[in-house]
Each structure stands twice: as C-alpha cells, then as structure tokens.
C-alpha atoms as a PDB file:
ATOM      1  CA  MET A   1      99.849 -52.910 -77.327  1.00  0.00           C
ATOM      2  CA  ASN A   2     101.940 -54.079 -74.398  1.00  0.00           C
ATOM      3  CA  THR A   3     103.611 -50.965 -72.943  1.00  0.00           C
ATOM      4  CA  LYS A   4     105.374 -52.865 -70.148  1.00  0.00           C
ATOM      5  CA  LYS A   5     108.017 -54.035 -72.656  1.00  0.00           C
ATOM      6  CA  TYR A   6     109.042 -50.412 -73.360  1.00  0.00           C
ATOM      7  CA  ILE A   7     109.413 -49.249 -69.751  1.00  0.00           C
ATOM      8  CA  PRO A   8     112.993 -50.632 -69.286  1.00  0.00           C
ATOM      9  CA  ILE A   9     114.074 -49.105 -72.612  1.00  0.00           C
ATOM     10  CA  LEU A  10     112.603 -45.723 -71.732  1.00  0.00           C
ATOM     11  CA  LEU A  11     114.210 -45.903 -68.294  1.00  0.00           C
ATOM     12  CA  VAL A  12     117.657 -46.533 -69.833  1.00  0.00           C
ATOM     13  CA  ILE A  13     117.207 -43.630 -72.268  1.00  0.00           C
ATOM     14  CA  PHE A  14     116.080 -41.308 -69.466  1.00  0.00           C
ATOM     15  CA  LEU A  15     119.032 -42.218 -67.237  1.00  0.00           C
ATOM     16  CA  SER A  16     121.468 -41.766 -70.148  1.00  0.00           C
ATOM     17  CA  ILE A  17     120.153 -38.292 -70.837  1.00  0.00           C
ATOM     18  CA  CYS A  18     120.348 -37.311 -67.168  1.00  0.00           C
ATOM     19  CA  SER A  19     123.939 -38.529 -66.844  1.00  0.00           C
ATOM     20  CA  CYS A  20     124.979 -36.581 -69.973  1.00  0.00           C
ATOM     21  CA  ASN A  21     123.506 -33.351 -68.597  1.00  0.00           C
ATOM     22  CA  GLN A  22     125.452 -33.783 -65.367  1.00  0.00           C
ATOM     23  CA  LYS A  23     128.738 -34.226 -67.268  1.00  0.00           C
ATOM     24  CA  ILE A  24     128.102 -31.099 -69.346  1.00  0.00           C
ATOM     25  CA  THR A  25     127.374 -29.031 -66.220  1.00  0.00           C
ATOM     26  CA  THR A  26     130.532 -30.321 -64.538  1.00  0.00           C
ATOM     27  CA  SER A  27     132.734 -29.451 -67.523  1.00  0.00           C
ATOM     28  CA  ASN A  28     131.226 -25.945 -67.780  1.00  0.00           C
ATOM     29  CA  GLN A  29     132.000 -25.311 -64.108  1.00  0.00           C
ATOM     30  CA  SER A  30     135.630 -26.367 -64.556  1.00  0.00           C
ATOM     31  CA  THR A  31     135.920 -24.052 -67.583  1.00  0.00           C
ATOM     32  CA  ILE A  32     134.663 -21.139 -65.481  1.00  0.00           C
ATOM     33  CA  LYS A  33     137.145 -21.917 -62.684  1.00  0.00           C
ATOM     34  CA  ASN A  34     140.056 -21.968 -65.161  1.00  0.00           C
ATOM     35  CA  ALA A  35     139.089 -18.679 -66.826  1.00  0.00           C
ATOM     36  CA  PHE A  36     141.927 -16.243 -67.492  1.00  0.00           C
ATOM     37  CA  PRO A  37     142.108 -13.780 -64.585  1.00  0.00           C
ATOM     38  CA  ILE A  38     142.424 -10.150 -65.609  1.00  0.00           C
ATOM     39  CA  SER A  39     143.382  -7.050 -63.670  1.00  0.00           C
ATOM     40  CA  SER A  40     142.874  -3.397 -64.540  1.00  0.00           C
ATOM     41  CA  LYS A  41     146.563  -2.829 -63.678  1.00  0.00           C
ATOM     42  CA  ASN A  42     147.499  -5.138 -66.557  1.00  0.00           C
ATOM     43  CA  LEU A  43     145.207  -3.261 -68.963  1.00  0.00           C
ATOM     44  CA  ILE A  44     146.321   0.337 -68.387  1.00  0.00           C
ATOM     45  CA  GLY A  45     148.107   1.696 -71.468  1.00  0.00           C
ATOM     46  CA  LYS A  46     147.107  -1.213 -73.709  1.00  0.00           C
ATOM     47  CA  GLU A  47     145.132  -0.904 -76.913  1.00  0.00           C
ATOM     48  CA  PHE A  48     143.156  -3.852 -78.295  1.00  0.00           C
ATOM     49  CA  VAL A  49     142.251  -3.705 -82.004  1.00  0.00           C
ATOM     50  CA  ARG A  50     139.536  -5.868 -83.558  1.00  0.00           C
ATOM     51  CA  GLU A  51     140.726  -8.348 -86.149  1.00  0.00           C
ATOM     52  CA  ARG A  52     138.876  -8.099 -89.426  1.00  0.00           C
ATOM     53  CA  LYS A  53     137.101 -11.169 -90.739  1.00  0.00           C
ATOM     54  CA  LEU A  54     138.321 -12.665 -94.015  1.00  0.00           C
ATOM     55  CA  ASN A  55     135.158 -11.812 -95.951  1.00  0.00           C
ATOM     56  CA  GLU A  56     134.568  -8.453 -94.250  1.00  0.00           C
ATOM     57  CA  LYS A  57     134.078  -5.545 -96.638  1.00  0.00           C
ATOM     58  CA  VAL A  58     135.916  -2.369 -95.730  1.00  0.00           C
ATOM     59  CA  ASP A  59     134.269   0.956 -96.501  1.00  0.00           C
ATOM     60  CA  GLU A  60     136.171   3.049 -99.058  1.00  0.00           C
ATOM     61  CA  ASN A  61     135.754   6.112 -96.861  1.00  0.00           C
ATOM     62  CA  PRO A  62     138.627   6.014 -94.336  1.00  0.00           C
ATOM     63  CA  GLU A  63     136.419   7.708 -91.730  1.00  0.00           C
ATOM     64  CA  LEU A  64     134.037   4.730 -91.851  1.00  0.00           C
ATOM     65  CA  SER A  65     136.552   1.907 -92.174  1.00  0.00           C
ATOM     66  CA  GLY A  66     138.064   1.664 -88.691  1.00  0.00           C
ATOM     67  CA  PRO A  67     138.296  -1.908 -87.385  1.00  0.00           C
ATOM     68  CA  GLY A  68     137.242  -0.978 -83.844  1.00  0.00           C
ATOM     69  CA  SER A  69     139.426  -0.763 -80.761  1.00  0.00           C
ATOM     70  CA  ILE A  70     139.588  -0.250 -77.009  1.00  0.00           C
ATOM     71  CA  SER A  71     142.324   1.775 -75.294  1.00  0.00           C
ATOM     72  CA  PHE A  72     142.504   1.401 -71.518  1.00  0.00           C
ATOM     73  CA  ARG A  73     143.579   4.687 -69.906  1.00  0.00           C
ATOM     74  CA  THR A  74     143.066   4.228 -66.150  1.00  0.00           C
ATOM     75  CA  GLN A  75     141.827   1.535 -63.768  1.00  0.00           C
ATOM     76  CA  ASN A  76     138.214   2.266 -64.781  1.00  0.00           C
ATOM     77  CA  GLU A  77     138.293   4.489 -67.900  1.00  0.00           C
ATOM     78  CA  ALA A  78     138.881   3.626 -71.545  1.00  0.00           C
ATOM     79  CA  SER A  79     138.350   4.922 -75.083  1.00  0.00           C
ATOM     80  CA  TYR A  80     136.162   2.813 -77.340  1.00  0.00           C
ATOM     81  CA  PHE A  81     136.157   3.086 -81.139  1.00  0.00           C
ATOM     82  CA  ALA A  82     133.173   1.196 -82.545  1.00  0.00           C
ATOM     83  CA  PRO A  83     133.858  -0.850 -85.693  1.00  0.00           C
ATOM     84  CA  GLY A  84     133.375   1.405 -88.729  1.00  0.00           C
ATOM     85  CA  SER A  85     133.869   4.578 -86.720  1.00  0.00           C
ATOM     86  CA  ASP A  86     136.687   7.083 -86.424  1.00  0.00           C
ATOM     87  CA  MET A  87     135.257   8.696 -83.296  1.00  0.00           C
ATOM     88  CA  GLY A  88     136.510   7.507 -79.914  1.00  0.00           C
ATOM     89  CA  ILE A  89     134.032   7.498 -77.054  1.00  0.00           C
ATOM     90  CA  GLY A  90     135.069   7.861 -73.432  1.00  0.00           C
ATOM     91  CA  VAL A  91     133.707   4.905 -71.444  1.00  0.00           C
ATOM     92  CA  THR A  92     134.018   3.414 -68.000  1.00  0.00           C
ATOM     93  CA  TYR A  93     134.615  -0.271 -67.404  1.00  0.00           C
ATOM     94  CA  LYS A  94     134.375  -2.922 -64.705  1.00  0.00           C
ATOM     95  CA  ILE A  95     136.178  -6.225 -64.432  1.00  0.00           C
ATOM     96  CA  MET A  96     134.304  -9.258 -63.162  1.00  0.00           C
ATOM     97  CA  GLY A  97     136.503 -12.371 -63.262  1.00  0.00           C
ATOM     98  CA  ASN A  98     137.563 -12.731 -66.885  1.00  0.00           C
ATOM     99  CA  LYS A  99     134.845 -10.356 -68.169  1.00  0.00           C
ATOM    100  CA  ILE A 100     135.318  -6.688 -69.002  1.00  0.00           C
ATOM    101  CA  ILE A 101     132.093  -4.712 -69.153  1.00  0.00           C
ATOM    102  CA  LEU A 102     132.241  -1.375 -70.968  1.00  0.00           C
ATOM    103  CA  ASP A 103     129.608   1.155 -69.925  1.00  0.00           C
ATOM    104  CA  ILE A 104     129.021   3.420 -72.940  1.00  0.00           C
ATOM    105  CA  GLN A 105     127.002   6.158 -71.266  1.00  0.00           C
ATOM    106  CA  LEU A 106     126.690   8.238 -74.442  1.00  0.00           C
ATOM    107  CA  TYR A 107     124.534   5.506 -76.012  1.00  0.00           C
ATOM    108  CA  ASN A 108     123.194   4.044 -72.743  1.00  0.00           C
ATOM    109  CA  GLU A 109     124.730   0.714 -73.772  1.00  0.00           C
ATOM    110  CA  LYS A 110     126.963  -1.943 -72.232  1.00  0.00           C
ATOM    111  CA  LYS A 111     129.399  -4.170 -74.136  1.00  0.00           C
ATOM    112  CA  GLU A 112     130.903  -7.308 -72.662  1.00  0.00           C
ATOM    113  CA  PHE A 113     134.322  -8.712 -73.530  1.00  0.00           C
ATOM    114  CA  THR A 114     135.922 -11.939 -72.352  1.00  0.00           C
ATOM    115  CA  ALA A 115     139.668 -12.076 -71.730  1.00  0.00           C
ATOM    116  CA  LEU A 116     141.016 -15.119 -73.581  1.00  0.00           C
ATOM    117  CA  ASP A 117     144.564 -14.362 -72.422  1.00  0.00           C
ATOM    118  CA  GLU A 118     146.579 -11.226 -71.707  1.00  0.00           C
ATOM    119  CA  LYS A 119     146.731 -10.247 -75.389  1.00  0.00           C
ATOM    120  CA  ARG A 120     143.263 -11.191 -76.694  1.00  0.00           C
ATOM    121  CA  LEU A 121     139.684 -10.193 -75.908  1.00  0.00           C
ATOM    122  CA  LYS A 122     136.509 -11.601 -77.424  1.00  0.00           C
ATOM    123  CA  ASP A 123     133.240  -9.651 -77.724  1.00  0.00           C
ATOM    124  CA  ALA A 124     129.692 -11.043 -77.560  1.00  0.00           C
ATOM    125  CA  GLU A 125     129.561 -11.384 -81.372  1.00  0.00           C
ATOM    126  CA  GLY A 126     132.713 -13.524 -81.408  1.00  0.00           C
ATOM    127  CA  ASN A 127     135.081 -10.827 -82.710  1.00  0.00           C
ATOM    128  CA  ILE A 128     138.662 -11.032 -81.435  1.00  0.00           C
ATOM    129  CA  TYR A 129     140.496  -7.919 -80.254  1.00  0.00           C
ATOM    130  CA  LYS A 130     144.315  -8.220 -80.123  1.00  0.00           C
ATOM    131  CA  ALA A 131     146.671  -6.079 -78.054  1.00  0.00           C
ATOM    132  CA  ASN A 132     149.179  -3.985 -79.985  1.00  0.00           C
END
C-alpha cells in the first residue's frame, strides 16, 4: 500500500479541523465580551420566578407546587425558593460579569444563574426565571 498518496489528503483534513477550532474559540470569546452586564443595584427589590415547562407536572399539594423564585433584598442578600418548595431560604450572592452565584449556606450548596437580560435569568439546568 502506497501511503504517500494519502499524506496530502490527511494534511488538508488536519488543517481544516484546526481552522474550524480557531473559529469556534473566536466566536465564544466574542459572546463572552458581549454578555449582559448586571449590577446588584439593578436587582434589589426584584423577584424572578421560574417558568414552568410545558410538560412539567405540578404537585397537587400547594405546599409542594411552587415554581421556584429568587427575591433580591440587598446588594448581597436574597431569598431563594427552590422549585417544589414553599419555604424561602436566606442566601447570599455574588455577581461576576453576567453570572449570579447564590451561596445557599443551609445546604452548603452554590447555584449559578446567567443574566440573559435585565428581566430574565437562566440556571445551570436551562430553566428561565422571569422578573415580575
């Protein structure tokens, strides 16, 4: 088998793959630069409620059927109602660019939200929270 015939073909394929990776990296960087900036001053007093999915089943018990929400009280404190819960938990939060990171000390857990715009947040699972 003459492998010298395949070297130019393999070289073209390799260079094509490398150039595609560079374009993807460049577009991801521009997306990060254009992320929606968020400020804690803009959040204070706002409540964001999770939108229910079309096929989501709601528990018949009203105490277990809450959609989930976040109410921002101060520049670093909020109330978080987990989906399916009627109990609000006091949390602290930090803002890093367009990310809001809730520190739920009661459960030793952190939840990350991305600000899509001033009225919508998206959690790590893809759920959208809309401002009232």
